[in-house]
């Protein structure tokens, strides 16, 4: 069967075998043509396989083992702290450089601004909770 060109506007002719959805663009360009398209089309097999393996492990943890997200987050942070502790102490024994962890240095003025903003939001939230607990808004009180 010969391939028809999509140059005609007639709806009677069959689609071209080289076009997708009556376009001359490839599927890669329809998906954006970037890294996401490469991953979805498995052009970068290692990255696509890694993403598939990671999502499969997360699905297994959350659905099969019934692991909770907060527990997973805590275990990851504890493991990271343990790894940095071992790396820092082991580096001195092996005469290597310890890990370079950037320090966040806030000026006293910036610290006051952050603390002030946090304090105002916290006081607004606490007053909102007090309003609910006192029953000033009966509908909201009963919903809670």
N, C-alpha and C. Protein backbone atom coordinates (compact mmCIF):
# COMPACT_ATOMS: atom_id res chain seq x y z
N UNK A 1 0.85 -1.16 0.00
CA UNK A 1 0.00 0.00 0.00
C UNK A 1 0.90 1.24 0.00
N UNK A 2 0.77 2.13 -0.93
CA UNK A 2 1.63 3.31 -0.99
C UNK A 2 1.26 4.31 0.09
N UNK A 3 2.25 5.05 0.52
CA UNK A 3 2.04 6.07 1.54
C UNK A 3 1.54 7.33 0.88
N UNK A 4 0.47 7.88 1.41
CA UNK A 4 -0.12 9.10 0.88
C UNK A 4 0.48 10.30 1.60
N UNK A 5 0.67 11.37 0.89
CA UNK A 5 1.19 12.58 1.52
C UNK A 5 0.04 13.37 2.12
N UNK A 6 0.26 13.99 3.28
CA UNK A 6 -0.82 14.74 3.94
C UNK A 6 -1.00 16.14 3.36
N UNK A 7 -0.54 16.38 2.14
CA UNK A 7 -0.66 17.72 1.58
C UNK A 7 -2.09 18.06 1.19
N UNK A 8 -2.90 17.06 0.94
CA UNK A 8 -4.28 17.30 0.57
C UNK A 8 -5.12 17.51 1.82
N UNK A 9 -6.10 18.40 1.76
CA UNK A 9 -6.97 18.67 2.89
C UNK A 9 -8.20 17.77 2.91
N UNK A 10 -8.28 16.83 2.00
CA UNK A 10 -9.44 15.97 1.91
C UNK A 10 -9.44 14.96 3.04
N UNK A 11 -10.60 14.72 3.63
CA UNK A 11 -10.74 13.75 4.72
C UNK A 11 -10.95 12.34 4.17
N UNK A 12 -11.12 12.19 2.85
CA UNK A 12 -11.37 10.88 2.27
C UNK A 12 -10.09 10.05 2.19
N UNK A 13 -8.93 10.70 2.12
CA UNK A 13 -7.68 9.97 1.94
C UNK A 13 -7.22 9.41 3.28
N UNK A 14 -6.59 8.22 3.24
CA UNK A 14 -6.06 7.66 4.48
C UNK A 14 -4.86 8.46 4.98
N UNK A 15 -4.52 8.25 6.24
CA UNK A 15 -3.41 8.97 6.86
C UNK A 15 -2.09 8.48 6.27
N UNK A 16 -1.10 9.32 6.34
CA UNK A 16 0.23 8.96 5.89
C UNK A 16 0.86 8.01 6.89
N UNK A 17 1.66 7.07 6.41
CA UNK A 17 2.31 6.14 7.32
C UNK A 17 3.46 6.81 8.05
N UNK A 18 3.90 7.98 7.60
CA UNK A 18 5.01 8.68 8.23
C UNK A 18 4.56 9.75 9.21
N UNK A 19 3.29 9.95 9.36
CA UNK A 19 2.84 11.02 10.24
C UNK A 19 2.12 10.45 11.44
N UNK A 20 2.13 11.21 12.50
CA UNK A 20 1.43 10.83 13.72
C UNK A 20 0.37 11.87 13.97
N UNK A 21 -0.87 11.46 14.07
CA UNK A 21 -2.00 12.35 14.25
C UNK A 21 -2.05 13.38 13.13
N UNK A 22 -1.80 12.94 11.91
CA UNK A 22 -1.83 13.75 10.69
C UNK A 22 -0.81 14.89 10.72
N UNK A 23 0.32 14.67 11.37
CA UNK A 23 1.38 15.66 11.42
C UNK A 23 2.67 15.03 10.91
N UNK A 24 3.58 15.87 10.50
CA UNK A 24 4.88 15.39 10.06
C UNK A 24 5.88 15.35 11.20
N UNK A 25 5.48 15.75 12.41
CA UNK A 25 6.39 15.76 13.55
C UNK A 25 6.56 14.36 14.11
N UNK A 26 7.71 14.11 14.69
CA UNK A 26 7.95 12.83 15.33
C UNK A 26 7.33 12.82 16.72
N UNK A 27 7.26 11.64 17.29
CA UNK A 27 6.72 11.50 18.65
C UNK A 27 7.63 12.22 19.64
N UNK A 28 8.93 12.20 19.39
CA UNK A 28 9.88 12.90 20.25
C UNK A 28 9.60 14.40 20.29
N UNK A 29 9.33 14.99 19.15
CA UNK A 29 9.03 16.42 19.13
C UNK A 29 7.65 16.72 19.71
N UNK A 30 6.72 15.78 19.59
CA UNK A 30 5.39 15.98 20.20
C UNK A 30 5.46 15.96 21.72
N UNK A 31 6.42 15.21 22.27
CA UNK A 31 6.59 15.14 23.72
C UNK A 31 7.46 16.26 24.26
N UNK A 32 7.87 17.19 23.42
CA UNK A 32 8.64 18.33 23.86
C UNK A 32 10.07 18.33 23.37
N UNK A 33 10.58 17.19 22.95
CA UNK A 33 11.90 17.12 22.37
C UNK A 33 13.05 17.27 23.34
N UNK A 34 12.81 17.28 24.63
CA UNK A 34 13.88 17.49 25.60
C UNK A 34 14.21 16.22 26.36
N UNK A 35 14.69 16.41 27.59
CA UNK A 35 15.08 15.26 28.41
C UNK A 35 13.89 14.42 28.82
N UNK A 36 12.74 15.06 29.04
CA UNK A 36 11.54 14.30 29.41
C UNK A 36 11.15 13.36 28.28
N UNK A 37 11.21 13.84 27.05
CA UNK A 37 10.90 12.99 25.90
C UNK A 37 11.91 11.85 25.79
N UNK A 38 13.18 12.13 26.05
CA UNK A 38 14.20 11.08 26.01
C UNK A 38 13.92 10.01 27.06
N UNK A 39 13.48 10.43 28.25
CA UNK A 39 13.19 9.47 29.31
C UNK A 39 11.95 8.65 28.97
N UNK A 40 10.89 9.32 28.49
CA UNK A 40 9.65 8.60 28.17
C UNK A 40 9.82 7.63 27.00
N UNK A 41 10.68 7.98 26.07
CA UNK A 41 10.91 7.12 24.90
C UNK A 41 12.08 6.16 25.10
N UNK A 42 12.64 6.11 26.28
CA UNK A 42 13.74 5.21 26.65
C UNK A 42 14.97 5.41 25.76
N UNK A 43 15.25 6.65 25.39
CA UNK A 43 16.48 6.92 24.64
C UNK A 43 17.67 6.94 25.58
N UNK A 44 17.48 7.37 26.81
CA UNK A 44 18.50 7.29 27.85
C UNK A 44 18.10 6.13 28.75
N UNK A 45 18.57 4.94 28.41
CA UNK A 45 18.10 3.72 29.06
C UNK A 45 18.47 3.66 30.54
N UNK A 46 19.66 4.14 30.91
CA UNK A 46 20.08 4.09 32.31
C UNK A 46 19.21 4.99 33.18
N UNK A 47 18.94 6.19 32.74
CA UNK A 47 18.11 7.11 33.51
C UNK A 47 16.66 6.62 33.57
N UNK A 48 16.13 6.14 32.47
CA UNK A 48 14.75 5.63 32.46
C UNK A 48 14.62 4.41 33.37
N UNK A 49 15.60 3.52 33.31
CA UNK A 49 15.59 2.34 34.17
C UNK A 49 15.73 2.70 35.63
N UNK A 50 16.57 3.69 35.94
CA UNK A 50 16.73 4.14 37.33
C UNK A 50 15.46 4.74 37.88
N UNK A 51 14.78 5.55 37.05
CA UNK A 51 13.52 6.14 37.49
C UNK A 51 12.47 5.06 37.70
N UNK A 52 12.40 4.09 36.78
CA UNK A 52 11.44 2.99 36.93
C UNK A 52 11.75 2.17 38.18
N UNK A 53 13.02 1.89 38.44
CA UNK A 53 13.39 1.12 39.63
C UNK A 53 13.07 1.91 40.90
N UNK A 54 13.34 3.21 40.92
CA UNK A 54 13.05 4.03 42.10
C UNK A 54 11.57 4.11 42.39
N UNK A 55 10.77 4.30 41.36
CA UNK A 55 9.32 4.37 41.55
C UNK A 55 8.77 3.02 41.98
N UNK A 56 9.36 1.93 41.47
CA UNK A 56 8.93 0.59 41.88
C UNK A 56 9.25 0.34 43.35
N UNK A 57 10.43 0.77 43.80
CA UNK A 57 10.79 0.61 45.21
C UNK A 57 9.86 1.43 46.09
N UNK A 58 9.56 2.68 45.69
CA UNK A 58 8.63 3.50 46.46
C UNK A 58 7.24 2.88 46.51
N UNK A 59 6.78 2.35 45.37
CA UNK A 59 5.47 1.69 45.36
C UNK A 59 5.48 0.49 46.29
N UNK A 60 6.56 -0.31 46.25
CA UNK A 60 6.66 -1.49 47.10
C UNK A 60 6.65 -1.08 48.58
N UNK A 61 7.40 -0.03 48.93
CA UNK A 61 7.44 0.41 50.32
C UNK A 61 6.09 0.92 50.81
N UNK A 62 5.44 1.75 50.01
CA UNK A 62 4.21 2.38 50.47
C UNK A 62 2.99 1.46 50.36
N UNK A 63 2.89 0.66 49.33
CA UNK A 63 1.68 -0.15 49.12
C UNK A 63 1.80 -1.55 49.71
N UNK A 64 2.92 -2.22 49.49
CA UNK A 64 3.04 -3.61 49.93
C UNK A 64 3.46 -3.69 51.39
N UNK A 65 4.51 -2.96 51.76
CA UNK A 65 5.03 -3.01 53.11
C UNK A 65 4.25 -2.08 54.04
N UNK A 66 3.45 -1.16 53.48
CA UNK A 66 2.66 -0.17 54.20
C UNK A 66 3.55 0.74 55.06
N UNK A 67 4.64 1.17 54.47
CA UNK A 67 5.58 2.10 55.10
C UNK A 67 4.99 3.49 54.98
N UNK A 68 5.22 4.36 55.96
CA UNK A 68 4.67 5.70 55.94
C UNK A 68 5.72 6.70 55.47
N UNK A 69 5.26 7.77 54.84
CA UNK A 69 6.17 8.76 54.27
C UNK A 69 7.01 9.44 55.34
N UNK A 70 6.38 9.81 56.46
CA UNK A 70 7.11 10.49 57.52
C UNK A 70 8.17 9.58 58.13
N UNK A 71 7.87 8.31 58.29
CA UNK A 71 8.85 7.36 58.79
C UNK A 71 10.01 7.23 57.82
N UNK A 72 9.70 7.16 56.54
CA UNK A 72 10.76 7.08 55.53
C UNK A 72 11.63 8.32 55.55
N UNK A 73 11.01 9.48 55.67
CA UNK A 73 11.76 10.74 55.72
C UNK A 73 12.67 10.79 56.94
N UNK A 74 12.18 10.34 58.09
CA UNK A 74 13.01 10.31 59.31
C UNK A 74 14.16 9.32 59.17
N UNK A 75 13.91 8.16 58.61
CA UNK A 75 14.99 7.18 58.43
C UNK A 75 16.05 7.68 57.45
N UNK A 76 15.63 8.37 56.41
CA UNK A 76 16.59 8.93 55.45
C UNK A 76 17.44 10.01 56.12
N UNK A 77 16.81 10.87 56.91
CA UNK A 77 17.59 11.93 57.57
C UNK A 77 18.54 11.36 58.63
N UNK A 78 18.12 10.35 59.37
CA UNK A 78 19.00 9.71 60.35
C UNK A 78 20.17 9.04 59.64
N UNK A 79 19.90 8.37 58.53
CA UNK A 79 20.98 7.72 57.78
C UNK A 79 21.95 8.74 57.21
N UNK A 80 21.44 9.87 56.75
CA UNK A 80 22.32 10.92 56.22
C UNK A 80 23.20 11.49 57.32
N UNK A 81 22.62 11.73 58.51
CA UNK A 81 23.43 12.23 59.63
C UNK A 81 24.50 11.22 60.03
N UNK A 82 24.15 9.94 60.06
CA UNK A 82 25.12 8.89 60.39
C UNK A 82 26.23 8.83 59.35
N UNK A 83 25.88 8.95 58.09
CA UNK A 83 26.87 8.92 57.01
C UNK A 83 27.84 10.10 57.12
N UNK A 84 27.32 11.30 57.37
CA UNK A 84 28.18 12.48 57.51
C UNK A 84 29.05 12.34 58.75
N UNK A 85 28.53 11.80 59.84
CA UNK A 85 29.32 11.59 61.05
C UNK A 85 30.47 10.63 60.80
N UNK A 86 30.19 9.51 60.17
CA UNK A 86 31.24 8.52 59.87
C UNK A 86 32.25 9.10 58.90
N UNK A 87 31.79 9.82 57.90
CA UNK A 87 32.68 10.42 56.92
C UNK A 87 33.60 11.45 57.57
N UNK A 88 33.03 12.28 58.45
CA UNK A 88 33.84 13.31 59.12
C UNK A 88 34.90 12.69 60.02
N UNK A 89 34.53 11.69 60.80
CA UNK A 89 35.48 11.07 61.71
C UNK A 89 36.44 10.14 60.98
N UNK A 90 35.99 9.49 59.94
CA UNK A 90 36.87 8.61 59.16
C UNK A 90 37.86 9.37 58.32
N UNK A 91 37.53 10.59 57.93
CA UNK A 91 38.43 11.40 57.12
C UNK A 91 39.68 11.78 57.91
N UNK A 92 39.52 12.03 59.20
CA UNK A 92 40.68 12.36 60.03
C UNK A 92 41.61 11.16 60.18
N UNK A 93 41.04 9.96 60.26
CA UNK A 93 41.86 8.75 60.38
C UNK A 93 42.60 8.43 59.10
N UNK A 94 42.01 8.72 57.96
CA UNK A 94 42.61 8.39 56.66
C UNK A 94 43.35 9.56 56.03
N UNK A 95 43.53 10.65 56.77
CA UNK A 95 44.18 11.87 56.27
C UNK A 95 43.54 12.38 54.99
N UNK A 96 42.25 12.37 54.95
CA UNK A 96 41.49 12.93 53.81
C UNK A 96 40.76 14.17 54.29
N UNK A 97 40.23 14.92 53.34
CA UNK A 97 39.49 16.13 53.69
C UNK A 97 38.09 15.74 54.17
N UNK A 98 37.61 16.35 55.25
CA UNK A 98 36.23 16.07 55.69
C UNK A 98 35.24 16.67 54.70
N UNK A 99 33.99 16.24 54.77
CA UNK A 99 33.00 16.78 53.83
C UNK A 99 32.80 18.27 54.03
N UNK A 100 32.66 18.98 52.92
CA UNK A 100 32.45 20.42 52.98
C UNK A 100 30.94 20.70 53.00
N UNK A 101 30.43 20.99 54.16
CA UNK A 101 29.02 21.29 54.33
C UNK A 101 28.90 22.80 54.48
N UNK A 102 28.18 23.46 53.59
CA UNK A 102 28.11 24.92 53.67
C UNK A 102 27.37 25.36 54.93
N UNK A 103 27.87 26.41 55.53
CA UNK A 103 27.24 26.97 56.71
C UNK A 103 26.29 28.09 56.29
N UNK A 104 25.16 28.14 56.90
CA UNK A 104 24.21 29.22 56.64
C UNK A 104 24.41 30.26 57.74
N UNK A 105 24.89 31.42 57.34
CA UNK A 105 25.18 32.48 58.29
C UNK A 105 24.18 33.59 58.06
N UNK A 106 23.39 33.85 59.08
CA UNK A 106 22.41 34.94 59.03
C UNK A 106 22.92 36.08 59.90
N UNK A 107 22.75 37.27 59.40
CA UNK A 107 23.08 38.42 60.24
C UNK A 107 22.01 38.53 61.32
N UNK A 108 22.33 39.29 62.33
CA UNK A 108 21.38 39.42 63.43
C UNK A 108 20.09 40.09 62.97
N UNK A 109 20.21 41.02 62.03
CA UNK A 109 19.03 41.70 61.51
C UNK A 109 18.14 40.73 60.73
N UNK A 110 18.76 39.91 59.88
CA UNK A 110 17.99 38.93 59.11
C UNK A 110 17.34 37.92 60.04
N UNK A 111 18.09 37.51 61.08
CA UNK A 111 17.53 36.57 62.04
C UNK A 111 16.31 37.17 62.75
N UNK A 112 16.40 38.44 63.10
CA UNK A 112 15.26 39.10 63.76
C UNK A 112 14.06 39.17 62.84
N UNK A 113 14.31 39.45 61.54
CA UNK A 113 13.20 39.52 60.59
C UNK A 113 12.52 38.17 60.42
N UNK A 114 13.33 37.11 60.31
CA UNK A 114 12.76 35.76 60.16
C UNK A 114 12.01 35.38 61.43
N UNK A 115 12.60 35.65 62.59
CA UNK A 115 11.95 35.32 63.86
C UNK A 115 10.66 36.11 64.04
N UNK A 116 10.68 37.37 63.64
CA UNK A 116 9.48 38.21 63.76
C UNK A 116 8.36 37.70 62.85
N UNK A 117 8.71 37.36 61.61
CA UNK A 117 7.70 36.84 60.69
C UNK A 117 7.13 35.52 61.20
N UNK A 118 8.00 34.64 61.71
CA UNK A 118 7.53 33.37 62.26
C UNK A 118 6.64 33.60 63.48
N UNK A 119 7.03 34.54 64.32
CA UNK A 119 6.25 34.83 65.52
C UNK A 119 4.86 35.35 65.18
N UNK A 120 4.77 36.26 64.20
CA UNK A 120 3.45 36.79 63.84
C UNK A 120 2.55 35.71 63.25
N UNK A 121 3.11 34.86 62.39
CA UNK A 121 2.29 33.79 61.81
C UNK A 121 1.87 32.79 62.87
N UNK A 122 2.77 32.48 63.79
CA UNK A 122 2.44 31.55 64.86
C UNK A 122 1.37 32.12 65.78
N UNK A 123 1.46 33.40 66.11
CA UNK A 123 0.45 34.00 67.00
C UNK A 123 -0.91 34.09 66.31
N UNK A 124 -0.93 34.35 65.00
CA UNK A 124 -2.21 34.35 64.26
C UNK A 124 -2.82 32.95 64.27
N UNK A 125 -1.98 31.93 64.06
CA UNK A 125 -2.48 30.55 64.05
C UNK A 125 -3.00 30.15 65.43
N UNK A 126 -2.29 30.52 66.49
CA UNK A 126 -2.73 30.17 67.84
C UNK A 126 -4.03 30.89 68.19
N UNK A 127 -4.15 32.15 67.79
CA UNK A 127 -5.41 32.86 68.07
C UNK A 127 -6.57 32.24 67.27
N UNK A 128 -6.31 31.76 66.07
CA UNK A 128 -7.33 31.07 65.28
C UNK A 128 -7.77 29.79 65.99
N UNK A 129 -6.80 29.03 66.53
CA UNK A 129 -7.15 27.82 67.27
C UNK A 129 -7.94 28.14 68.54
N UNK A 130 -7.57 29.24 69.20
CA UNK A 130 -8.32 29.65 70.41
C UNK A 130 -9.75 30.05 70.06
N UNK A 131 -9.94 30.71 68.94
CA UNK A 131 -11.29 31.07 68.50
C UNK A 131 -12.13 29.84 68.24
N UNK A 132 -11.52 28.83 67.63
CA UNK A 132 -12.25 27.59 67.36
C UNK A 132 -12.60 26.90 68.68
N UNK A 133 -11.62 26.81 69.59
CA UNK A 133 -11.84 26.11 70.85
C UNK A 133 -12.86 26.81 71.74
N UNK A 134 -12.93 28.13 71.66
CA UNK A 134 -13.88 28.86 72.51
C UNK A 134 -15.30 28.79 71.96
N UNK A 135 -15.47 28.39 70.72
CA UNK A 135 -16.79 28.24 70.15
C UNK A 135 -17.36 29.51 69.58
N UNK A 136 -16.53 30.50 69.24
CA UNK A 136 -17.03 31.74 68.66
C UNK A 136 -17.70 31.50 67.31
N UNK A 137 -17.12 30.61 66.51
CA UNK A 137 -17.74 30.23 65.24
C UNK A 137 -18.28 28.81 65.42
N UNK A 138 -19.58 28.72 65.69
CA UNK A 138 -20.18 27.43 66.06
C UNK A 138 -20.07 26.41 64.92
N UNK A 139 -20.27 26.86 63.68
CA UNK A 139 -20.22 25.94 62.54
C UNK A 139 -18.83 25.33 62.42
N UNK A 140 -17.78 26.15 62.52
CA UNK A 140 -16.41 25.67 62.43
C UNK A 140 -16.07 24.79 63.63
N UNK A 141 -16.57 25.16 64.82
CA UNK A 141 -16.34 24.36 66.01
C UNK A 141 -16.91 22.96 65.86
N UNK A 142 -18.14 22.88 65.31
CA UNK A 142 -18.77 21.57 65.15
C UNK A 142 -18.11 20.76 64.04
N UNK A 143 -17.60 21.44 63.01
CA UNK A 143 -16.89 20.71 61.95
C UNK A 143 -15.60 20.11 62.49
N UNK A 144 -14.91 20.85 63.35
CA UNK A 144 -13.65 20.34 63.91
C UNK A 144 -13.97 19.22 64.88
